[in-house]
Amino acid sequence: MAAAVLRSSRVLTNILRRSGATLAGVQERSDRGYADMAFTFASPSTVFYKAAANVKQVDVPSFSGSFGILPNHVPILAVLRPGVITVHEADGNNKKYFVSSGSITVNDDSSVQILAEEACTLDQLDSQAIREGAAKAAQDLLSASSDFAKAEASIALECYDALQRAVDHP
């Protein structure tokens, strides 16, 4: 057991040496607080957060799976899938937004940008309109005659399904 720990510590030391990092540098980054995550979230029509420092965590739906973003998150680029984004603020408030699609960028400096094609707060969603839209999208999928029309109807149906889940389980 001790030999395995020793080998893994040598591997870590070699990785740090090759990357130019130091254990002190790693320690400095982990000491940062929640206020160091500058969060920006916007759609073409609305800016929900602009470099906000009061955000301690953001939960996002992506095509590679849903995940949470905390300060010091590894840098990443991801694509949003239709679903609910939950923003956990430092004061304990949790705000939820529905997004249709977009991109997520987490930078090395702990800044986070979410750019959504369309986004709204959950209280802006209309259950009846969602049910009607889903029924129409399902009918469009059944009657689609081209691959393009099928893909378009399938995407619409996926979005309506996500909207319905957001309304049913806020």
Foldseek 3Di string as FASTA:
>chain_A
DVVVVVVVVVVVVVVCVVVVHDPVNVVVQVPDDQLQAQEWEEEPVDTPHGRGSFWAKKWAQFPVGIDMAGAQPDWDKTKGDFAKMWTQGNVGDIFIKTAHIFMWTQDNSNYIYTYGNDMDGLVVDDLVVLVVQLVVLVVQCVPDDDPVSNVVSVSSNRNSVNNNCSNVPD
